[in-house]
Amino acid sequence: KRVFLEPLVASPKLYIFGAGHVSAALCPLAKNIGFQVTVIDDRPEFADPLRFPEADELLVTPFEQAVGKLDLASSDYVVIMTRGHLHDHRVLGQILNRPLSYLGMIGSRRKREMIFKALREEQFSEELLKTVHTPIGLEIGAETPEEIAVSITAELIQVRARKRGEKKGITTI
C-alpha cells in the first residue's frame, strides 16, 4: 500500500501599498505565482476592483492608518510604491520594525537616501534600513510599469526560493 503525502502550506501574503500603474501590473503576476494579494491605497478610484480583479483584498484607507489594520506576519511580503515620498516614508517607518520575509520600496537611489536620512533622524538603525530592498526588483533594465512589475516579481520569487531553501536547510548562492 502506498501513501502520498503533500504538505499544505498557506500561500504567502503580499501587501502592495499604492495602487498605481506598477501595482496594477504587479498584482496579476504575484497572484499567478501563488501570492495572496492585498492592495492598499487611500484613493477609492485607484483601489478599485475593476483595476485589480485579481486582488484578494482591496483596502481603501489613509496610509497612516493602514499598517495598524493589518495583521502582518513574519512570512509576509510588503511592497511600498505609493504616489509619493511622504507616503512611502510614513508606511516604511511603520513597518520597518516588523519581521517580514520581504520589504521593498520602489524609487531611485536619491529617493531612498532622502527617506533613509529622515528615518535615521527618527532613530531607525542602519541594520534595519539594510533590510529594505530598494531600489526594488532585479536589475533587468526595466522601464515600463509592466517591465518593472516583472523585475519585482522576479525578486519576490528569488526571496521566496531562498526562504524555502532555508527552511529545508539548503544554502543558496
N, C-alpha and C. Protein backbone atom coordinates (compact mmCIF):
# COMPACT_ATOMS: atom_id res chain seq x y z
N LYS A 1 0.85 -1.18 0.00
CA LYS A 1 0.00 0.00 0.00
C LYS A 1 0.89 1.24 0.00
N ARG A 2 0.61 2.20 -0.89
CA ARG A 2 1.38 3.44 -0.97
C ARG A 2 0.52 4.60 -0.49
N VAL A 3 1.17 5.51 0.21
CA VAL A 3 0.51 6.72 0.68
C VAL A 3 1.29 7.91 0.12
N PHE A 4 0.57 8.82 -0.47
CA PHE A 4 1.19 10.04 -0.99
C PHE A 4 0.83 11.19 -0.06
N LEU A 5 1.84 11.84 0.47
CA LEU A 5 1.61 12.97 1.36
C LEU A 5 2.09 14.25 0.68
N GLU A 6 1.25 15.24 0.72
CA GLU A 6 1.63 16.54 0.20
C GLU A 6 1.33 17.58 1.27
N PRO A 7 2.38 18.25 1.75
CA PRO A 7 2.13 19.25 2.79
C PRO A 7 1.32 20.42 2.25
N LEU A 8 0.35 20.84 3.00
CA LEU A 8 -0.44 22.00 2.63
C LEU A 8 0.13 23.22 3.33
N VAL A 9 0.53 24.17 2.55
CA VAL A 9 1.13 25.37 3.09
C VAL A 9 0.31 26.54 2.59
N ALA A 10 0.01 27.45 3.48
CA ALA A 10 -0.75 28.63 3.08
C ALA A 10 0.06 29.47 2.09
N SER A 11 -0.63 30.06 1.14
CA SER A 11 0.04 30.95 0.19
C SER A 11 0.61 32.14 0.94
N PRO A 12 1.81 32.57 0.56
CA PRO A 12 2.36 33.76 1.22
C PRO A 12 1.51 34.98 0.87
N LYS A 13 1.49 35.92 1.77
CA LYS A 13 0.71 37.15 1.55
C LYS A 13 1.63 38.26 1.06
N LEU A 14 1.13 38.99 0.08
CA LEU A 14 1.83 40.16 -0.45
C LEU A 14 0.92 41.37 -0.24
N TYR A 15 1.45 42.36 0.46
CA TYR A 15 0.73 43.62 0.67
C TYR A 15 1.39 44.67 -0.23
N ILE A 16 0.60 45.25 -1.11
CA ILE A 16 1.09 46.28 -2.02
C ILE A 16 0.51 47.61 -1.57
N PHE A 17 1.37 48.50 -1.11
CA PHE A 17 0.95 49.84 -0.70
C PHE A 17 1.07 50.76 -1.90
N GLY A 18 -0.07 51.22 -2.39
CA GLY A 18 -0.14 52.07 -3.56
C GLY A 18 -0.82 51.31 -4.68
N ALA A 19 -1.71 51.98 -5.39
CA ALA A 19 -2.50 51.33 -6.43
C ALA A 19 -2.30 52.00 -7.79
N GLY A 20 -1.05 52.34 -8.07
CA GLY A 20 -0.74 52.99 -9.35
C GLY A 20 -0.51 51.98 -10.47
N HIS A 21 0.13 52.45 -11.53
CA HIS A 21 0.33 51.63 -12.73
C HIS A 21 1.19 50.40 -12.48
N VAL A 22 2.27 50.55 -11.72
CA VAL A 22 3.14 49.41 -11.46
C VAL A 22 2.41 48.39 -10.58
N SER A 23 1.66 48.86 -9.62
CA SER A 23 0.88 47.96 -8.77
C SER A 23 -0.14 47.17 -9.59
N ALA A 24 -0.79 47.85 -10.52
CA ALA A 24 -1.79 47.19 -11.36
C ALA A 24 -1.14 46.10 -12.23
N ALA A 25 0.11 46.30 -12.62
CA ALA A 25 0.83 45.29 -13.39
C ALA A 25 1.38 44.18 -12.48
N LEU A 26 1.76 44.53 -11.26
CA LEU A 26 2.33 43.56 -10.32
C LEU A 26 1.29 42.60 -9.77
N CYS A 27 0.11 43.08 -9.48
CA CYS A 27 -0.92 42.27 -8.82
C CYS A 27 -1.20 40.95 -9.55
N PRO A 28 -1.50 40.95 -10.85
CA PRO A 28 -1.79 39.66 -11.50
C PRO A 28 -0.57 38.75 -11.57
N LEU A 29 0.62 39.31 -11.72
CA LEU A 29 1.83 38.49 -11.75
C LEU A 29 2.03 37.79 -10.41
N ALA A 30 1.89 38.56 -9.32
CA ALA A 30 2.07 37.99 -7.98
C ALA A 30 1.00 36.93 -7.69
N LYS A 31 -0.20 37.20 -8.10
CA LYS A 31 -1.30 36.24 -7.92
C LYS A 31 -1.01 34.94 -8.67
N ASN A 32 -0.50 35.08 -9.90
CA ASN A 32 -0.22 33.90 -10.72
C ASN A 32 0.94 33.06 -10.20
N ILE A 33 1.80 33.62 -9.37
CA ILE A 33 2.89 32.82 -8.81
C ILE A 33 2.60 32.38 -7.37
N GLY A 34 1.34 32.54 -6.94
CA GLY A 34 0.92 31.93 -5.68
C GLY A 34 0.79 32.83 -4.48
N PHE A 35 0.84 34.15 -4.65
CA PHE A 35 0.67 35.05 -3.52
C PHE A 35 -0.80 35.38 -3.32
N GLN A 36 -1.19 35.56 -2.06
CA GLN A 36 -2.47 36.20 -1.72
C GLN A 36 -2.16 37.70 -1.73
N VAL A 37 -2.87 38.45 -2.53
CA VAL A 37 -2.51 39.85 -2.75
C VAL A 37 -3.54 40.80 -2.13
N THR A 38 -3.03 41.73 -1.33
CA THR A 38 -3.83 42.82 -0.78
C THR A 38 -3.25 44.13 -1.30
N VAL A 39 -4.09 44.97 -1.88
CA VAL A 39 -3.67 46.27 -2.39
C VAL A 39 -4.27 47.34 -1.48
N ILE A 40 -3.43 48.28 -1.08
CA ILE A 40 -3.84 49.33 -0.15
C ILE A 40 -3.58 50.70 -0.79
N ASP A 41 -4.60 51.55 -0.78
CA ASP A 41 -4.44 52.92 -1.27
C ASP A 41 -5.50 53.77 -0.59
N ASP A 42 -5.23 55.07 -0.52
CA ASP A 42 -6.20 55.97 0.11
C ASP A 42 -7.18 56.56 -0.90
N ARG A 43 -7.05 56.17 -2.16
CA ARG A 43 -7.92 56.71 -3.21
C ARG A 43 -8.84 55.60 -3.74
N PRO A 44 -10.16 55.71 -3.49
CA PRO A 44 -11.07 54.66 -3.94
C PRO A 44 -11.08 54.47 -5.46
N GLU A 45 -10.84 55.53 -6.21
CA GLU A 45 -10.84 55.40 -7.66
C GLU A 45 -9.63 54.60 -8.17
N PHE A 46 -8.60 54.47 -7.35
CA PHE A 46 -7.44 53.66 -7.73
C PHE A 46 -7.53 52.25 -7.16
N ALA A 47 -7.89 52.12 -5.89
CA ALA A 47 -8.04 50.80 -5.26
C ALA A 47 -9.44 50.28 -5.58
N ASP A 48 -9.65 50.05 -6.86
CA ASP A 48 -10.96 49.70 -7.39
C ASP A 48 -10.92 48.26 -7.90
N PRO A 49 -11.94 47.46 -7.61
CA PRO A 49 -11.96 46.07 -8.09
C PRO A 49 -11.85 45.94 -9.62
N LEU A 50 -12.27 46.95 -10.35
CA LEU A 50 -12.14 46.90 -11.81
C LEU A 50 -10.68 47.02 -12.25
N ARG A 51 -9.87 47.74 -11.47
CA ARG A 51 -8.44 47.88 -11.77
C ARG A 51 -7.65 46.70 -11.25
N PHE A 52 -8.16 46.04 -10.21
CA PHE A 52 -7.44 44.95 -9.54
C PHE A 52 -8.33 43.72 -9.38
N PRO A 53 -8.81 43.14 -10.48
CA PRO A 53 -9.71 41.99 -10.35
C PRO A 53 -9.04 40.77 -9.70
N GLU A 54 -7.72 40.67 -9.78
CA GLU A 54 -7.02 39.52 -9.21
C GLU A 54 -6.74 39.67 -7.71
N ALA A 55 -6.88 40.85 -7.18
CA ALA A 55 -6.56 41.08 -5.76
C ALA A 55 -7.51 40.29 -4.87
N ASP A 56 -6.95 39.71 -3.83
CA ASP A 56 -7.76 39.01 -2.85
C ASP A 56 -8.48 40.01 -1.94
N GLU A 57 -7.85 41.17 -1.76
CA GLU A 57 -8.42 42.18 -0.88
C GLU A 57 -7.95 43.56 -1.34
N LEU A 58 -8.86 44.51 -1.26
CA LEU A 58 -8.54 45.91 -1.52
C LEU A 58 -8.89 46.71 -0.28
N LEU A 59 -7.95 47.49 0.21
CA LEU A 59 -8.21 48.34 1.37
C LEU A 59 -8.10 49.79 0.94
N VAL A 60 -9.17 50.55 1.17
CA VAL A 60 -9.15 51.98 0.92
C VAL A 60 -9.09 52.64 2.28
N THR A 61 -7.92 53.15 2.59
CA THR A 61 -7.70 53.75 3.91
C THR A 61 -6.48 54.67 3.84
N PRO A 62 -6.44 55.70 4.67
CA PRO A 62 -5.23 56.53 4.69
C PRO A 62 -4.01 55.67 5.02
N PHE A 63 -2.89 55.95 4.35
CA PHE A 63 -1.69 55.15 4.56
C PHE A 63 -1.23 55.17 6.02
N GLU A 64 -1.46 56.29 6.71
CA GLU A 64 -1.05 56.41 8.12
C GLU A 64 -1.79 55.40 9.01
N GLN A 65 -2.99 55.00 8.59
CA GLN A 65 -3.80 54.07 9.39
C GLN A 65 -3.74 52.64 8.88
N ALA A 66 -3.25 52.46 7.68
CA ALA A 66 -3.31 51.14 7.03
C ALA A 66 -2.54 50.06 7.78
N VAL A 67 -1.33 50.36 8.18
CA VAL A 67 -0.48 49.34 8.81
C VAL A 67 -1.14 48.81 10.08
N GLY A 68 -1.77 49.68 10.85
CA GLY A 68 -2.45 49.26 12.07
C GLY A 68 -3.63 48.34 11.83
N LYS A 69 -4.16 48.35 10.62
CA LYS A 69 -5.30 47.50 10.28
C LYS A 69 -4.87 46.12 9.77
N LEU A 70 -3.58 45.93 9.60
CA LEU A 70 -3.07 44.67 9.05
C LEU A 70 -2.48 43.81 10.15
N ASP A 71 -2.64 42.52 9.99
CA ASP A 71 -2.04 41.56 10.91
C ASP A 71 -0.82 40.97 10.21
N LEU A 72 0.26 41.77 10.16
CA LEU A 72 1.45 41.36 9.43
C LEU A 72 2.18 40.25 10.17
N ALA A 73 2.59 39.22 9.41
CA ALA A 73 3.32 38.08 9.97
C ALA A 73 4.72 38.04 9.37
N SER A 74 5.59 37.30 10.01
CA SER A 74 6.98 37.21 9.54
C SER A 74 7.08 36.53 8.18
N SER A 75 6.04 35.84 7.77
CA SER A 75 6.04 35.17 6.46
C SER A 75 5.51 36.07 5.34
N ASP A 76 5.12 37.29 5.67
CA ASP A 76 4.52 38.20 4.69
C ASP A 76 5.55 39.00 3.91
N TYR A 77 5.10 39.46 2.76
CA TYR A 77 5.89 40.27 1.85
C TYR A 77 5.19 41.61 1.71
N VAL A 78 5.96 42.69 1.71
CA VAL A 78 5.39 44.04 1.59
C VAL A 78 6.15 44.80 0.51
N VAL A 79 5.39 45.42 -0.39
CA VAL A 79 5.94 46.28 -1.43
C VAL A 79 5.34 47.66 -1.24
N ILE A 80 6.21 48.66 -1.13
CA ILE A 80 5.76 50.04 -0.94
C ILE A 80 5.99 50.81 -2.23
N MET A 81 4.90 51.27 -2.83
CA MET A 81 5.01 52.08 -4.04
C MET A 81 3.80 53.01 -4.12
N THR A 82 3.72 53.89 -3.14
CA THR A 82 2.64 54.87 -3.12
C THR A 82 2.96 55.97 -4.12
N ARG A 83 2.13 56.99 -4.14
CA ARG A 83 2.29 58.05 -5.15
C ARG A 83 3.30 59.13 -4.74
N GLY A 84 3.98 58.96 -3.62
CA GLY A 84 4.94 60.00 -3.26
C GLY A 84 5.85 59.63 -2.11
N HIS A 85 6.94 60.38 -2.00
CA HIS A 85 7.95 60.16 -0.97
C HIS A 85 7.36 60.17 0.43
N LEU A 86 6.49 61.13 0.70
CA LEU A 86 5.92 61.28 2.04
C LEU A 86 5.15 60.04 2.46
N HIS A 87 4.31 59.52 1.58
CA HIS A 87 3.54 58.33 1.91
C HIS A 87 4.46 57.11 2.05
N ASP A 88 5.44 56.98 1.14
CA ASP A 88 6.39 55.86 1.23
C ASP A 88 7.12 55.91 2.57
N HIS A 89 7.55 57.10 2.96
CA HIS A 89 8.27 57.30 4.23
C HIS A 89 7.39 56.88 5.41
N ARG A 90 6.15 57.33 5.41
CA ARG A 90 5.24 57.00 6.52
C ARG A 90 4.99 55.50 6.63
N VAL A 91 4.74 54.86 5.50
CA VAL A 91 4.48 53.41 5.52
C VAL A 91 5.73 52.67 5.96
N LEU A 92 6.87 53.02 5.37
CA LEU A 92 8.12 52.33 5.72
C LEU A 92 8.44 52.52 7.20
N GLY A 93 8.25 53.70 7.72
CA GLY A 93 8.51 53.96 9.13
C GLY A 93 7.64 53.12 10.06
N GLN A 94 6.43 52.80 9.64
CA GLN A 94 5.54 51.99 10.46
C GLN A 94 5.84 50.50 10.36
N ILE A 95 6.45 50.08 9.26
CA ILE A 95 6.65 48.66 9.01
C ILE A 95 8.06 48.19 9.33
N LEU A 96 9.00 49.10 9.32
CA LEU A 96 10.42 48.75 9.40
C LEU A 96 10.80 47.88 10.59
N ASN A 97 10.15 48.06 11.71
CA ASN A 97 10.48 47.27 12.90
C ASN A 97 9.84 45.88 12.91
N ARG A 98 9.02 45.60 11.95
CA ARG A 98 8.30 44.32 11.93
C ARG A 98 9.10 43.27 11.17
N PRO A 99 9.15 42.06 11.71
CA PRO A 99 9.84 41.00 10.96
C PRO A 99 8.98 40.56 9.77
N LEU A 100 9.56 40.58 8.60
CA LEU A 100 8.85 40.20 7.37
C LEU A 100 9.78 39.33 6.52
N SER A 101 9.20 38.57 5.62
CA SER A 101 10.01 37.82 4.67
C SER A 101 10.63 38.74 3.64
N TYR A 102 9.92 39.83 3.32
CA TYR A 102 10.40 40.75 2.28
C TYR A 102 9.80 42.12 2.52
N LEU A 103 10.63 43.14 2.38
CA LEU A 103 10.18 44.52 2.45
C LEU A 103 10.90 45.29 1.35
N GLY A 104 10.13 45.78 0.38
CA GLY A 104 10.72 46.50 -0.73
C GLY A 104 10.03 47.84 -0.95
N MET A 105 10.81 48.80 -1.44
CA MET A 105 10.27 50.13 -1.73
C MET A 105 10.75 50.58 -3.10
N ILE A 106 9.83 51.01 -3.92
CA ILE A 106 10.17 51.48 -5.27
C ILE A 106 10.82 52.86 -5.17
N GLY A 107 11.65 53.16 -6.15
CA GLY A 107 12.20 54.51 -6.20
C GLY A 107 13.67 54.52 -6.57
N SER A 108 14.13 55.71 -6.85
CA SER A 108 15.52 55.92 -7.23
C SER A 108 16.42 55.85 -5.99
N ARG A 109 17.70 55.79 -6.24
CA ARG A 109 18.67 55.81 -5.13
C ARG A 109 18.56 57.14 -4.37
N ARG A 110 18.31 58.21 -5.11
CA ARG A 110 18.16 59.54 -4.49
C ARG A 110 16.96 59.56 -3.53
N LYS A 111 15.84 59.00 -3.98
CA LYS A 111 14.66 58.93 -3.13
C LYS A 111 14.96 58.09 -1.89
N ARG A 112 15.61 56.94 -2.10
CA ARG A 112 15.97 56.07 -0.98
C ARG A 112 16.81 56.84 0.04
N GLU A 113 17.81 57.56 -0.42
CA GLU A 113 18.68 58.29 0.50
C GLU A 113 17.93 59.37 1.27
N MET A 114 16.99 60.06 0.60
CA MET A 114 16.19 61.08 1.28
C MET A 114 15.35 60.44 2.40
N ILE A 115 14.68 59.35 2.08
CA ILE A 115 13.82 58.68 3.06
C ILE A 115 14.66 58.05 4.17
N PHE A 116 15.76 57.40 3.81
CA PHE A 116 16.62 56.77 4.82
C PHE A 116 17.23 57.82 5.75
N LYS A 117 17.59 58.98 5.21
CA LYS A 117 18.13 60.06 6.06
C LYS A 117 17.10 60.46 7.11
N ALA A 118 15.86 60.64 6.67
CA ALA A 118 14.79 61.00 7.60
C ALA A 118 14.56 59.90 8.64
N LEU A 119 14.61 58.64 8.21
CA LEU A 119 14.40 57.53 9.15
C LEU A 119 15.56 57.41 10.14
N ARG A 120 16.78 57.70 9.70
CA ARG A 120 17.92 57.71 10.64
C ARG A 120 17.70 58.78 11.71
N GLU A 121 17.18 59.93 11.28
CA GLU A 121 16.90 61.01 12.24
C GLU A 121 15.80 60.61 13.21
N GLU A 122 14.95 59.66 12.81
CA GLU A 122 13.90 59.13 13.68
C GLU A 122 14.42 57.94 14.50
N GLN A 123 15.73 57.73 14.47
CA GLN A 123 16.41 56.71 15.27
C GLN A 123 16.25 55.27 14.76
N PHE A 124 15.98 55.09 13.47
CA PHE A 124 15.99 53.75 12.91
C PHE A 124 17.44 53.37 12.63
N SER A 125 17.78 52.14 12.95
CA SER A 125 19.16 51.70 12.83
C SER A 125 19.54 51.40 11.39
N GLU A 126 20.83 51.44 11.15
CA GLU A 126 21.38 51.11 9.84
C GLU A 126 21.07 49.65 9.50
N GLU A 127 21.09 48.79 10.51
CA GLU A 127 20.77 47.37 10.32
C GLU A 127 19.36 47.20 9.75
N LEU A 128 18.41 47.91 10.33
CA LEU A 128 17.03 47.83 9.84
C LEU A 128 16.92 48.37 8.42
N LEU A 129 17.56 49.49 8.15
CA LEU A 129 17.48 50.09 6.82
C LEU A 129 18.06 49.15 5.76
N LYS A 130 19.06 48.37 6.12
CA LYS A 130 19.67 47.44 5.17
C LYS A 130 18.74 46.29 4.80
N THR A 131 17.67 46.09 5.56
CA THR A 131 16.73 45.01 5.25
C THR A 131 15.76 45.38 4.13
N VAL A 132 15.72 46.65 3.76
CA VAL A 132 14.78 47.12 2.75
C VAL A 132 15.37 46.91 1.35
N HIS A 133 14.64 46.24 0.49
CA HIS A 133 15.04 46.08 -0.90
C HIS A 133 14.66 47.36 -1.63
N THR A 134 15.66 48.15 -1.96
CA THR A 134 15.42 49.39 -2.69
C THR A 134 16.69 49.83 -3.37
N PRO A 135 16.68 50.23 -4.60
CA PRO A 135 15.53 50.18 -5.48
C PRO A 135 15.01 48.75 -5.60
N ILE A 136 13.73 48.63 -5.76
CA ILE A 136 13.05 47.34 -5.76
C ILE A 136 13.23 46.61 -7.09
N GLY A 137 13.21 45.30 -7.04
CA GLY A 137 13.27 44.49 -8.25
C GLY A 137 14.70 44.14 -8.64
N LEU A 138 14.80 43.15 -9.51
CA LEU A 138 16.10 42.75 -10.04
C LEU A 138 16.51 43.68 -11.17
N GLU A 139 17.80 43.88 -11.32
CA GLU A 139 18.34 44.75 -12.37
C GLU A 139 18.21 44.08 -13.73
N ILE A 140 17.16 44.41 -14.46
CA ILE A 140 16.99 43.83 -15.80
C ILE A 140 16.81 44.92 -16.85
N GLY A 141 17.01 46.17 -16.47
CA GLY A 141 16.83 47.27 -17.41
C GLY A 141 15.38 47.62 -17.64
N ALA A 142 14.54 47.33 -16.66
CA ALA A 142 13.10 47.58 -16.78
C ALA A 142 12.81 49.08 -16.88
N GLU A 143 11.85 49.42 -17.74
CA GLU A 143 11.47 50.82 -17.90
C GLU A 143 9.97 51.05 -17.77
N THR A 144 9.16 50.21 -18.38
CA THR A 144 7.71 50.40 -18.35
C THR A 144 7.14 49.83 -17.05
N PRO A 145 5.91 50.24 -16.67
CA PRO A 145 5.30 49.65 -15.47
C PRO A 145 5.26 48.12 -15.53
N GLU A 146 4.98 47.57 -16.69
CA GLU A 146 4.91 46.12 -16.83
C GLU A 146 6.28 45.47 -16.64
N GLU A 147 7.31 46.08 -17.19
CA GLU A 147 8.67 45.55 -17.03
C GLU A 147 9.13 45.67 -15.58
N ILE A 148 8.81 46.78 -14.94
CA ILE A 148 9.17 46.96 -13.54
C ILE A 148 8.46 45.91 -12.69
N ALA A 149 7.19 45.63 -13.00
CA ALA A 149 6.45 44.59 -12.27
C ALA A 149 7.11 43.23 -12.44
N VAL A 150 7.60 42.93 -13.63
CA VAL A 150 8.31 41.66 -13.87
C VAL A 150 9.57 41.61 -13.01
N SER A 151 10.32 42.70 -12.94
CA SER A 151 11.56 42.70 -12.14
C SER A 151 11.26 42.54 -10.65
N ILE A 152 10.17 43.14 -10.19
CA ILE A 152 9.77 42.98 -8.79
C ILE A 152 9.33 41.54 -8.53
N THR A 153 8.54 40.99 -9.45
CA THR A 153 8.08 39.61 -9.32
C THR A 153 9.27 38.66 -9.28
N ALA A 154 10.26 38.90 -10.11
CA ALA A 154 11.46 38.06 -10.11
C ALA A 154 12.16 38.12 -8.75
N GLU A 155 12.24 39.31 -8.16
CA GLU A 155 12.86 39.43 -6.85
C GLU A 155 12.04 38.71 -5.78
N LEU A 156 10.72 38.80 -5.86
CA LEU A 156 9.86 38.08 -4.91
C LEU A 156 10.09 36.58 -5.03
N ILE A 157 10.19 36.07 -6.25
CA ILE A 157 10.44 34.65 -6.47
C ILE A 157 11.80 34.27 -5.87
N GLN A 158 12.80 35.09 -6.10
CA GLN A 158 14.15 34.83 -5.60
C GLN A 158 14.16 34.76 -4.07
N VAL A 159 13.52 35.71 -3.42
CA VAL A 159 13.47 35.74 -1.96
C VAL A 159 12.68 34.54 -1.43
N ARG A 160 11.54 34.26 -2.05
CA ARG A 160 10.72 33.12 -1.62
C ARG A 160 11.49 31.81 -1.75
N ALA A 161 12.24 31.64 -2.84
CA ALA A 161 13.03 30.42 -3.04
C ALA A 161 14.11 30.29 -1.96
N ARG A 162 14.75 31.41 -1.60
CA ARG A 162 15.76 31.38 -0.53
C ARG A 162 15.12 30.99 0.80
N LYS A 163 13.94 31.55 1.07
CA LYS A 163 13.24 31.23 2.33
C LYS A 163 12.90 29.75 2.38
N ARG A 164 12.42 29.21 1.27
CA ARG A 164 12.10 27.78 1.21
C ARG A 164 13.36 26.95 1.43
N GLY A 165 14.45 27.36 0.81
CA GLY A 165 15.72 26.66 0.98
C GLY A 165 16.20 26.68 2.41
N GLU A 166 16.06 27.84 3.07
CA GLU A 166 16.46 27.95 4.47
C GLU A 166 15.65 27.00 5.35
N LYS A 167 14.36 26.90 5.07
CA LYS A 167 13.51 26.00 5.86
C LYS A 167 13.91 24.55 5.67
N LYS A 168 14.43 24.22 4.49
CA LYS A 168 14.84 22.84 4.20
C LYS A 168 16.31 22.61 4.55
N GLY A 169 16.99 23.65 5.03
CA GLY A 169 18.40 23.52 5.37
C GLY A 169 19.32 23.57 4.17
N ILE A 170 18.83 24.16 3.08
CA ILE A 170 19.62 24.25 1.86
C ILE A 170 20.17 25.67 1.74
N THR A 171 21.45 25.77 1.46
CA THR A 171 22.06 27.07 1.27
C THR A 171 22.04 27.42 -0.21
N THR A 172 21.53 28.63 -0.52
CA THR A 172 21.52 29.08 -1.91
C THR A 172 22.53 30.19 -2.08
N ILE A 173 23.06 30.28 -3.27
CA ILE A 173 24.07 31.31 -3.54
C ILE A 173 23.46 32.38 -4.42
